[in-house]
Amino acid sequence: MPDLSAQHLPPADRTVFFVSDGTGITAETFGHSVLTQFELRFKQVRLPFIDTLDKAYEAVRDINEACEVDGKRPIVFSTLVKAELSSVVRQSKGMHMDLIQTFVEPLEQELGVKSTHTVGRSHNIADSEDYKNRIEAINFSLAHDDGQSNQNLAAADVILVGVSRSGKTPTSLYLAMQYGIKAANYPLIPDDFERGKLPNGLLAYKKKIFGLSIAPDRLSEVRNERRPGSKYASLENCRYEINEAEKMMRREGIRWMSSTAKSIEEIATMILQEIKLDRRAY
């Protein structure tokens, strides 16, 4: 059967294009940050790898077609480095937000040097130390996901604890991929609550531990998506586990926060601040 859920959604107020001669991650990240300031619905279209004139003219056709269909100018966030490609795309009927022209050219004047104008430079880092560190961190986080291993925890930058489905795994992987942070994560389970203490393998690394909690009703909702109707997902059980986990974290002096209304980016930023790690991947 076709998925009819999309038919119940209100139409988008405006179409937004993210145009890049690379992956488009920069254009999309910046664009999302700006668009969240407006309480409107946006239809988002990604146009990565626009690295030839033919592709640039094709992008113009897509943008102009959206303009005709919507009856409104599309918004275009662009990180096209090559001037000739940018010039073509700017001929479209979109409202253009050119990140290269807006930021790089003024910086050239201020710094007194020309930029490299290298396509995809921010992601062309396969041989860099930062890239290698991120790969190592991702492998570490995968090996130490959900308490799979107690080995080499001394190498961890942070160890996330919390009840199952409180956001530990996505946060660990985000920290690894974005910052090269080696993050292990451990679930707190009823056996831990009955013993009244942290898992034995974590006791020597308490200074590295950061806790995540979540509202019981939200936890029940998330768990029911995985195991509908189970005791594991029941609101009563979720309340019990959250209450016991938070009591344990307070008793053990573990820094913690609720993930309920926070994005992964916000959670990761809080953790970086709390554990005093300042690593950036460029």
C-alpha atoms as a PDB file:
ATOM      1  CA  MET A   1       0.000   0.000   0.000  1.00  0.00           C
ATOM      2  CA  PRO A   2       1.246   3.521  -0.708  1.00  0.00           C
ATOM      3  CA  ASP A   3       2.191   5.689   2.244  1.00  0.00           C
ATOM      4  CA  LEU A   4      -0.594   8.257   2.536  1.00  0.00           C
ATOM      5  CA  SER A   5       0.847  10.042   5.586  1.00  0.00           C
ATOM      6  CA  ALA A   6       2.447  12.768   3.470  1.00  0.00           C
ATOM      7  CA  GLN A   7      -1.020  13.735   2.167  1.00  0.00           C
ATOM      8  CA  HIS A   8      -1.970  14.991   5.616  1.00  0.00           C
ATOM      9  CA  LEU A   9       0.965  17.391   5.807  1.00  0.00           C
ATOM     10  CA  PRO A  10       0.368  21.045   4.921  1.00  0.00           C
ATOM     11  CA  PRO A  11       2.061  22.232   1.734  1.00  0.00           C
ATOM     12  CA  ALA A  12       5.497  23.825   1.997  1.00  0.00           C
ATOM     13  CA  ASP A  13       5.612  27.627   2.107  1.00  0.00           C
ATOM     14  CA  ARG A  14       8.756  27.809  -0.021  1.00  0.00           C
ATOM     15  CA  THR A  15      11.247  25.573  -1.839  1.00  0.00           C
ATOM     16  CA  VAL A  16      14.866  25.758  -0.709  1.00  0.00           C
ATOM     17  CA  PHE A  17      17.845  24.565  -2.761  1.00  0.00           C
ATOM     18  CA  PHE A  18      21.261  23.672  -1.342  1.00  0.00           C
ATOM     19  CA  VAL A  19      23.710  23.970  -4.240  1.00  0.00           C
ATOM     20  CA  SER A  20      27.358  22.931  -4.032  1.00  0.00           C
ATOM     21  CA  ASP A  21      30.228  21.684  -6.163  1.00  0.00           C
ATOM     22  CA  GLY A  22      31.042  19.297  -3.272  1.00  0.00           C
ATOM     23  CA  THR A  23      28.846  17.354  -0.879  1.00  0.00           C
ATOM     24  CA  GLY A  24      26.702  20.355   0.053  1.00  0.00           C
ATOM     25  CA  ILE A  25      27.088  19.716   3.771  1.00  0.00           C
ATOM     26  CA  THR A  26      28.268  23.275   4.470  1.00  0.00           C
ATOM     27  CA  ALA A  27      25.421  24.867   2.505  1.00  0.00           C
ATOM     28  CA  GLU A  28      22.863  22.609   4.141  1.00  0.00           C
ATOM     29  CA  THR A  29      24.174  23.105   7.680  1.00  0.00           C
ATOM     30  CA  PHE A  30      24.246  26.877   7.315  1.00  0.00           C
ATOM     31  CA  GLY A  31      20.879  26.919   5.572  1.00  0.00           C
ATOM     32  CA  HIS A  32      19.213  24.848   8.277  1.00  0.00           C
ATOM     33  CA  SER A  33      20.581  27.164  10.964  1.00  0.00           C
ATOM     34  CA  VAL A  34      19.037  30.155   9.211  1.00  0.00           C
ATOM     35  CA  LEU A  35      15.735  28.505   8.279  1.00  0.00           C
ATOM     36  CA  THR A  36      15.007  27.377  11.845  1.00  0.00           C
ATOM     37  CA  GLN A  37      14.501  31.051  12.697  1.00  0.00           C
ATOM     38  CA  PHE A  38      11.306  31.039  10.624  1.00  0.00           C
ATOM     39  CA  GLU A  39       8.129  29.183  11.561  1.00  0.00           C
ATOM     40  CA  LEU A  40       7.451  28.053   8.008  1.00  0.00           C
ATOM     41  CA  ARG A  41       7.523  24.749   6.148  1.00  0.00           C
ATOM     42  CA  PHE A  42      10.271  24.401   3.559  1.00  0.00           C
ATOM     43  CA  LYS A  43      10.597  21.855   0.785  1.00  0.00           C
ATOM     44  CA  GLN A  44      14.337  21.113   0.710  1.00  0.00           C
ATOM     45  CA  VAL A  45      16.178  20.091  -2.445  1.00  0.00           C
ATOM     46  CA  ARG A  46      19.854  19.058  -2.429  1.00  0.00           C
ATOM     47  CA  LEU A  47      21.960  19.688  -5.536  1.00  0.00           C
ATOM     48  CA  PRO A  48      25.485  18.427  -4.701  1.00  0.00           C
ATOM     49  CA  PHE A  49      28.449  17.960  -7.054  1.00  0.00           C
ATOM     50  CA  ILE A  50      27.490  20.800  -9.419  1.00  0.00           C
ATOM     51  CA  ASP A  51      31.005  20.854 -10.860  1.00  0.00           C
ATOM     52  CA  THR A  52      30.438  21.432 -14.611  1.00  0.00           C
ATOM     53  CA  LEU A  53      28.644  24.057 -16.668  1.00  0.00           C
ATOM     54  CA  ASP A  54      26.121  21.479 -17.863  1.00  0.00           C
ATOM     55  CA  LYS A  55      25.222  20.625 -14.278  1.00  0.00           C
ATOM     56  CA  ALA A  56      25.027  24.325 -13.405  1.00  0.00           C
ATOM     57  CA  TYR A  57      22.527  24.961 -16.217  1.00  0.00           C
ATOM     58  CA  GLU A  58      20.555  21.902 -15.122  1.00  0.00           C
ATOM     59  CA  ALA A  59      20.417  23.353 -11.597  1.00  0.00           C
ATOM     60  CA  VAL A  60      19.100  26.615 -13.047  1.00  0.00           C
ATOM     61  CA  ARG A  61      16.328  24.685 -14.822  1.00  0.00           C
ATOM     62  CA  ASP A  62      15.371  22.943 -11.565  1.00  0.00           C
ATOM     63  CA  ILE A  63      15.271  26.215  -9.640  1.00  0.00           C
ATOM     64  CA  ASN A  64      13.257  28.000 -12.339  1.00  0.00           C
ATOM     65  CA  GLU A  65      10.805  25.108 -12.546  1.00  0.00           C
ATOM     66  CA  ALA A  66      10.232  25.278  -8.782  1.00  0.00           C
ATOM     67  CA  CYS A  67       9.627  29.008  -9.121  1.00  0.00           C
ATOM     68  CA  GLU A  68       6.944  28.438 -11.753  1.00  0.00           C
ATOM     69  CA  VAL A  69       5.252  25.620  -9.824  1.00  0.00           C
ATOM     70  CA  ASP A  70       5.291  27.436  -6.455  1.00  0.00           C
ATOM     71  CA  GLY A  71       4.607  30.912  -7.769  1.00  0.00           C
ATOM     72  CA  LYS A  72       7.333  32.100  -5.380  1.00  0.00           C
ATOM     73  CA  ARG A  73      11.079  32.536  -5.673  1.00  0.00           C
ATOM     74  CA  PRO A  74      12.981  29.546  -4.282  1.00  0.00           C
ATOM     75  CA  ILE A  75      15.664  30.228  -1.698  1.00  0.00           C
ATOM     76  CA  VAL A  76      19.123  29.117  -2.886  1.00  0.00           C
ATOM     77  CA  PHE A  77      21.974  28.484  -0.445  1.00  0.00           C
ATOM     78  CA  SER A  78      25.142  28.121  -2.509  1.00  0.00           C
ATOM     79  CA  THR A  79      28.735  27.152  -1.778  1.00  0.00           C
ATOM     80  CA  LEU A  80      29.896  27.028  -5.397  1.00  0.00           C
ATOM     81  CA  VAL A  81      33.602  27.844  -5.377  1.00  0.00           C
ATOM     82  CA  LYS A  82      34.177  28.275  -9.107  1.00  0.00           C
ATOM     83  CA  ALA A  83      33.093  31.745 -10.219  1.00  0.00           C
ATOM     84  CA  GLU A  84      31.843  30.585 -13.625  1.00  0.00           C
ATOM     85  CA  LEU A  85      29.524  28.021 -12.049  1.00  0.00           C
ATOM     86  CA  SER A  86      28.271  30.460  -9.448  1.00  0.00           C
ATOM     87  CA  SER A  87      27.622  33.030 -12.164  1.00  0.00           C
ATOM     88  CA  VAL A  88      25.423  30.575 -14.075  1.00  0.00           C
ATOM     89  CA  VAL A  89      23.367  29.554 -11.048  1.00  0.00           C
ATOM     90  CA  ARG A  90      22.848  33.195 -10.082  1.00  0.00           C
ATOM     91  CA  GLN A  91      21.002  33.633 -13.393  1.00  0.00           C
ATOM     92  CA  SER A  92      18.151  31.518 -12.031  1.00  0.00           C
ATOM     93  CA  LYS A  93      14.977  32.962 -10.569  1.00  0.00           C
ATOM     94  CA  GLY A  94      15.951  32.037  -7.021  1.00  0.00           C
ATOM     95  CA  MET A  95      16.795  34.320  -4.092  1.00  0.00           C
ATOM     96  CA  HIS A  96      20.519  33.610  -3.683  1.00  0.00           C
ATOM     97  CA  MET A  97      22.515  33.240  -0.474  1.00  0.00           C
ATOM     98  CA  ASP A  98      26.090  32.800  -1.717  1.00  0.00           C
ATOM     99  CA  LEU A  99      28.262  31.762   1.221  1.00  0.00           C
ATOM    100  CA  ILE A 100      31.532  32.004  -0.745  1.00  0.00           C
ATOM    101  CA  GLN A 101      30.903  35.525  -1.948  1.00  0.00           C
ATOM    102  CA  THR A 102      29.535  36.612   1.424  1.00  0.00           C
ATOM    103  CA  PHE A 103      32.389  35.309   3.581  1.00  0.00           C
ATOM    104  CA  VAL A 104      35.446  34.312   1.542  1.00  0.00           C
ATOM    105  CA  GLU A 105      35.865  37.471  -0.507  1.00  0.00           C
ATOM    106  CA  PRO A 106      35.679  39.858   2.510  1.00  0.00           C
ATOM    107  CA  LEU A 107      38.185  37.615   4.321  1.00  0.00           C
ATOM    108  CA  GLU A 108      40.559  37.795   1.351  1.00  0.00           C
ATOM    109  CA  GLN A 109      40.522  41.570   1.672  1.00  0.00           C
ATOM    110  CA  GLU A 110      40.937  41.518   5.430  1.00  0.00           C
ATOM    111  CA  LEU A 111      43.727  38.908   5.463  1.00  0.00           C
ATOM    112  CA  GLY A 112      45.510  40.303   2.434  1.00  0.00           C
ATOM    113  CA  VAL A 113      45.779  36.876   0.766  1.00  0.00           C
ATOM    114  CA  LYS A 114      43.785  35.013  -1.851  1.00  0.00           C
ATOM    115  CA  SER A 115      41.906  31.881  -0.872  1.00  0.00           C
ATOM    116  CA  THR A 116      42.743  28.639  -2.622  1.00  0.00           C
ATOM    117  CA  HIS A 117      39.287  28.425  -4.238  1.00  0.00           C
ATOM    118  CA  THR A 118      39.667  24.663  -4.008  1.00  0.00           C
ATOM    119  CA  VAL A 119      36.470  22.679  -4.498  1.00  0.00           C
ATOM    120  CA  GLY A 120      35.543  20.488  -1.519  1.00  0.00           C
ATOM    121  CA  ARG A 121      38.578  21.510   0.488  1.00  0.00           C
ATOM    122  CA  SER A 122      36.784  21.180   3.825  1.00  0.00           C
ATOM    123  CA  HIS A 123      36.226  17.485   3.147  1.00  0.00           C
ATOM    124  CA  ASN A 124      39.427  16.668   1.278  1.00  0.00           C
ATOM    125  CA  ILE A 125      41.170  15.453   4.398  1.00  0.00           C
ATOM    126  CA  ALA A 126      41.742  11.755   3.848  1.00  0.00           C
ATOM    127  CA  ASP A 127      45.440  12.098   4.642  1.00  0.00           C
ATOM    128  CA  SER A 128      45.117  14.547   7.526  1.00  0.00           C
ATOM    129  CA  GLU A 129      45.665  13.771  11.185  1.00  0.00           C
ATOM    130  CA  ASP A 130      42.176  15.042  12.029  1.00  0.00           C
ATOM    131  CA  TYR A 131      40.592  12.613   9.589  1.00  0.00           C
ATOM    132  CA  LYS A 132      42.557   9.660  10.973  1.00  0.00           C
ATOM    133  CA  ASN A 133      41.569  10.656  14.493  1.00  0.00           C
ATOM    134  CA  ARG A 134      37.907  10.696  13.516  1.00  0.00           C
ATOM    135  CA  ILE A 135      38.092   7.251  11.929  1.00  0.00           C
ATOM    136  CA  GLU A 136      39.786   5.878  15.052  1.00  0.00           C
ATOM    137  CA  ALA A 137      37.142   7.525  17.239  1.00  0.00           C
ATOM    138  CA  ILE A 138      34.294   6.061  15.171  1.00  0.00           C
ATOM    139  CA  ASN A 139      35.794   2.575  15.400  1.00  0.00           C
ATOM    140  CA  PHE A 140      36.281   3.020  19.146  1.00  0.00           C
ATOM    141  CA  SER A 141      32.699   4.183  19.662  1.00  0.00           C
ATOM    142  CA  LEU A 142      31.297   1.271  17.652  1.00  0.00           C
ATOM    143  CA  ALA A 143      33.422  -1.229  19.604  1.00  0.00           C
ATOM    144  CA  HIS A 144      32.279   0.268  22.913  1.00  0.00           C
ATOM    145  CA  ASP A 145      28.617   0.785  22.062  1.00  0.00           C
ATOM    146  CA  ASP A 146      25.983  -0.335  24.558  1.00  0.00           C
ATOM    147  CA  GLY A 147      28.551  -1.765  26.971  1.00  0.00           C
ATOM    148  CA  GLN A 148      29.931  -4.272  24.454  1.00  0.00           C
ATOM    149  CA  SER A 149      33.483  -4.037  25.775  1.00  0.00           C
ATOM    150  CA  ASN A 150      35.335  -3.032  28.930  1.00  0.00           C
ATOM    151  CA  GLN A 151      38.671  -3.146  27.145  1.00  0.00           C
ATOM    152  CA  ASN A 152      40.732  -0.026  26.639  1.00  0.00           C
ATOM    153  CA  LEU A 153      38.334   2.282  28.473  1.00  0.00           C
ATOM    154  CA  ALA A 154      41.387   4.202  29.633  1.00  0.00           C
ATOM    155  CA  ALA A 155      41.590   5.528  26.056  1.00  0.00           C
ATOM    156  CA  ALA A 156      38.024   6.859  26.173  1.00  0.00           C
ATOM    157  CA  ASP A 157      37.559  10.624  26.240  1.00  0.00           C
ATOM    158  CA  VAL A 158      34.061  10.253  27.670  1.00  0.00           C
ATOM    159  CA  ILE A 159      31.815   7.408  28.812  1.00  0.00           C
ATOM    160  CA  LEU A 160      28.092   8.035  28.443  1.00  0.00           C
ATOM    161  CA  VAL A 161      25.698   6.271  30.807  1.00  0.00           C
ATOM    162  CA  GLY A 162      21.922   6.196  30.987  1.00  0.00           C
ATOM    163  CA  VAL A 163      18.961   3.882  30.567  1.00  0.00           C
ATOM    164  CA  SER A 164      18.389   2.136  27.257  1.00  0.00           C
ATOM    165  CA  ARG A 165      17.154   4.477  24.462  1.00  0.00           C
ATOM    166  CA  SER A 166      18.106   7.720  26.180  1.00  0.00           C
ATOM    167  CA  GLY A 167      20.293   8.884  23.270  1.00  0.00           C
ATOM    168  CA  LYS A 168      23.701   7.459  24.147  1.00  0.00           C
ATOM    169  CA  THR A 169      24.548   5.757  20.837  1.00  0.00           C
ATOM    170  CA  PRO A 170      23.716   8.622  18.441  1.00  0.00           C
ATOM    171  CA  THR A 171      25.518  11.069  20.730  1.00  0.00           C
ATOM    172  CA  SER A 172      28.606   8.839  20.872  1.00  0.00           C
ATOM    173  CA  LEU A 173      28.756   8.536  17.102  1.00  0.00           C
ATOM    174  CA  TYR A 174      28.170  12.262  16.581  1.00  0.00           C
ATOM    175  CA  LEU A 175      31.038  13.106  18.952  1.00  0.00           C
ATOM    176  CA  ALA A 176      33.276  10.662  17.078  1.00  0.00           C
ATOM    177  CA  MET A 177      32.360  11.785  13.578  1.00  0.00           C
ATOM    178  CA  GLN A 178      32.355  15.530  14.202  1.00  0.00           C
ATOM    179  CA  TYR A 179      35.079  15.953  16.806  1.00  0.00           C
ATOM    180  CA  GLY A 180      37.185  12.793  16.875  1.00  0.00           C
ATOM    181  CA  ILE A 181      36.042  12.115  20.450  1.00  0.00           C
ATOM    182  CA  LYS A 182      36.438   8.523  21.617  1.00  0.00           C
ATOM    183  CA  ALA A 183      33.109   7.956  23.337  1.00  0.00           C
ATOM    184  CA  ALA A 184      32.049   4.704  24.980  1.00  0.00           C
ATOM    185  CA  ASN A 185      28.510   4.209  26.230  1.00  0.00           C
ATOM    186  CA  TYR A 186      26.979   1.949  28.842  1.00  0.00           C
ATOM    187  CA  PRO A 187      23.319   1.227  29.569  1.00  0.00           C
ATOM    188  CA  LEU A 188      22.154   1.393  33.169  1.00  0.00           C
ATOM    189  CA  ILE A 189      19.951  -1.659  33.753  1.00  0.00           C
ATOM    190  CA  PRO A 190      17.743  -2.981  36.609  1.00  0.00           C
ATOM    191  CA  ASP A 191      20.633  -5.141  37.895  1.00  0.00           C
ATOM    192  CA  ASP A 192      22.659  -1.974  38.462  1.00  0.00           C
ATOM    193  CA  PHE A 193      19.773  -0.382  40.359  1.00  0.00           C
ATOM    194  CA  GLU A 194      19.374  -3.447  42.578  1.00  0.00           C
ATOM    195  CA  ARG A 195      23.109  -3.370  43.400  1.00  0.00           C
ATOM    196  CA  GLY A 196      22.864   0.376  43.899  1.00  0.00           C
ATOM    197  CA  LYS A 197      26.100   1.138  42.101  1.00  0.00           C
ATOM    198  CA  LEU A 198      27.645   1.652  38.684  1.00  0.00           C
ATOM    199  CA  PRO A 199      28.794  -1.333  36.592  1.00  0.00           C
ATOM    200  CA  ASN A 200      32.132  -2.545  37.967  1.00  0.00           C
ATOM    201  CA  GLY A 201      33.992  -1.829  34.732  1.00  0.00           C
ATOM    202  CA  LEU A 202      33.231   1.892  35.036  1.00  0.00           C
ATOM    203  CA  LEU A 203      34.254   2.577  38.615  1.00  0.00           C
ATOM    204  CA  ALA A 204      37.867   3.400  37.758  1.00  0.00           C
ATOM    205  CA  TYR A 205      36.784   5.973  35.158  1.00  0.00           C
ATOM    206  CA  LYS A 206      34.175   7.965  37.045  1.00  0.00           C
ATOM    207  CA  LYS A 207      35.754  11.305  36.076  1.00  0.00           C
ATOM    208  CA  LYS A 208      35.090  10.498  32.410  1.00  0.00           C
ATOM    209  CA  ILE A 209      31.432   9.592  32.899  1.00  0.00           C
ATOM    210  CA  PHE A 210      28.583  11.791  31.690  1.00  0.00           C
ATOM    211  CA  GLY A 211      24.957  10.790  32.140  1.00  0.00           C
ATOM    212  CA  LEU A 212      21.934  11.140  29.872  1.00  0.00           C
ATOM    213  CA  SER A 213      18.380  11.007  31.124  1.00  0.00           C
ATOM    214  CA  ILE A 214      15.022  11.416  29.379  1.00  0.00           C
ATOM    215  CA  ALA A 215      11.400  12.093  30.319  1.00  0.00           C
ATOM    216  CA  PRO A 216       9.586   8.812  31.132  1.00  0.00           C
ATOM    217  CA  ASP A 217       6.698   9.450  28.717  1.00  0.00           C
ATOM    218  CA  ARG A 218       9.118  10.146  25.868  1.00  0.00           C
ATOM    219  CA  LEU A 219      11.170   7.063  26.755  1.00  0.00           C
ATOM    220  CA  SER A 220       8.018   4.925  26.735  1.00  0.00           C
ATOM    221  CA  GLU A 221       7.114   6.319  23.318  1.00  0.00           C
ATOM    222  CA  VAL A 222      10.568   5.542  21.902  1.00  0.00           C
ATOM    223  CA  ARG A 223      10.676   2.032  23.380  1.00  0.00           C
ATOM    224  CA  ASN A 224       7.176   1.215  22.124  1.00  0.00           C
ATOM    225  CA  GLU A 225       8.410   1.829  18.594  1.00  0.00           C
ATOM    226  CA  ARG A 226      10.893  -0.976  19.162  1.00  0.00           C
ATOM    227  CA  ARG A 227       8.983  -3.343  21.453  1.00  0.00           C
ATOM    228  CA  PRO A 228       5.312  -2.353  21.432  1.00  0.00           C
ATOM    229  CA  GLY A 229       3.272  -3.416  24.441  1.00  0.00           C
ATOM    230  CA  SER A 230       6.251  -4.821  26.357  1.00  0.00           C
ATOM    231  CA  LYS A 231       7.071  -4.311  30.033  1.00  0.00           C
ATOM    232  CA  TYR A 232      10.331  -2.754  28.796  1.00  0.00           C
ATOM    233  CA  ALA A 233       8.305  -0.004  27.097  1.00  0.00           C
ATOM    234  CA  SER A 234       5.608   0.463  29.742  1.00  0.00           C
ATOM    235  CA  LEU A 235       5.329   3.922  31.256  1.00  0.00           C
ATOM    236  CA  GLU A 236       5.514   2.463  34.782  1.00  0.00           C
ATOM    237  CA  ASN A 237       8.797   0.689  34.034  1.00  0.00           C
ATOM    238  CA  CYS A 238      10.226   3.740  32.281  1.00  0.00           C
ATOM    239  CA  ARG A 239       9.412   5.881  35.317  1.00  0.00           C
ATOM    240  CA  TYR A 240      11.112   3.351  37.584  1.00  0.00           C
ATOM    241  CA  GLU A 241      14.286   3.132  35.470  1.00  0.00           C
ATOM    242  CA  ILE A 242      14.595   6.900  35.003  1.00  0.00           C
ATOM    243  CA  ASN A 243      14.049   7.556  38.709  1.00  0.00           C
ATOM    244  CA  GLU A 244      16.637   4.963  39.721  1.00  0.00           C
ATOM    245  CA  ALA A 245      19.168   6.112  37.111  1.00  0.00           C
ATOM    246  CA  GLU A 246      18.926   9.748  38.160  1.00  0.00           C
ATOM    247  CA  LYS A 247      19.221   8.807  41.851  1.00  0.00           C
ATOM    248  CA  MET A 248      22.353   6.795  41.046  1.00  0.00           C
ATOM    249  CA  MET A 249      23.920   9.623  39.053  1.00  0.00           C
ATOM    250  CA  ARG A 250      23.257  12.128  41.822  1.00  0.00           C
ATOM    251  CA  ARG A 251      24.589   9.727  44.449  1.00  0.00           C
ATOM    252  CA  GLU A 252      27.750   9.018  42.430  1.00  0.00           C
ATOM    253  CA  GLY A 253      28.333  12.700  41.642  1.00  0.00           C
ATOM    254  CA  ILE A 254      28.008  12.123  37.876  1.00  0.00           C
ATOM    255  CA  ARG A 255      27.304  15.096  35.647  1.00  0.00           C
ATOM    256  CA  TRP A 256      24.145  14.510  33.616  1.00  0.00           C
ATOM    257  CA  MET A 257      21.457  16.171  31.535  1.00  0.00           C
ATOM    258  CA  SER A 258      18.072  15.350  30.055  1.00  0.00           C
ATOM    259  CA  SER A 259      18.056  14.610  26.332  1.00  0.00           C
ATOM    260  CA  THR A 260      14.275  14.985  26.029  1.00  0.00           C
ATOM    261  CA  ALA A 261      14.088  18.378  24.336  1.00  0.00           C
ATOM    262  CA  LYS A 262      17.664  18.576  23.075  1.00  0.00           C
ATOM    263  CA  SER A 263      19.104  17.894  19.640  1.00  0.00           C
ATOM    264  CA  ILE A 264      22.159  15.664  19.257  1.00  0.00           C
ATOM    265  CA  GLU A 265      24.185  18.793  18.459  1.00  0.00           C
ATOM    266  CA  GLU A 266      23.068  20.474  21.694  1.00  0.00           C
ATOM    267  CA  ILE A 267      23.778  17.375  23.775  1.00  0.00           C
ATOM    268  CA  ALA A 268      27.253  17.010  22.249  1.00  0.00           C
ATOM    269  CA  THR A 269      28.060  20.675  22.876  1.00  0.00           C
ATOM    270  CA  MET A 270      27.046  20.375  26.535  1.00  0.00           C
ATOM    271  CA  ILE A 271      29.236  17.286  26.928  1.00  0.00           C
ATOM    272  CA  LEU A 272      32.218  19.022  25.326  1.00  0.00           C
ATOM    273  CA  GLN A 273      31.826  21.925  27.729  1.00  0.00           C
ATOM    274  CA  GLU A 274      31.449  19.715  30.771  1.00  0.00           C
ATOM    275  CA  ILE A 275      34.377  17.389  30.065  1.00  0.00           C
ATOM    276  CA  LYS A 276      36.565  20.283  28.866  1.00  0.00           C
ATOM    277  CA  LEU A 277      37.386  18.805  25.479  1.00  0.00           C
ATOM    278  CA  ASP A 278      37.897  21.275  22.667  1.00  0.00           C
ATOM    279  CA  ARG A 279      38.496  19.350  19.479  1.00  0.00           C
ATOM    280  CA  ARG A 280      37.341  20.545  16.105  1.00  0.00           C
ATOM    281  CA  ALA A 281      37.400  18.753  12.779  1.00  0.00           C
ATOM    282  CA  TYR A 282      37.823  20.960   9.721  1.00  0.00           C
END
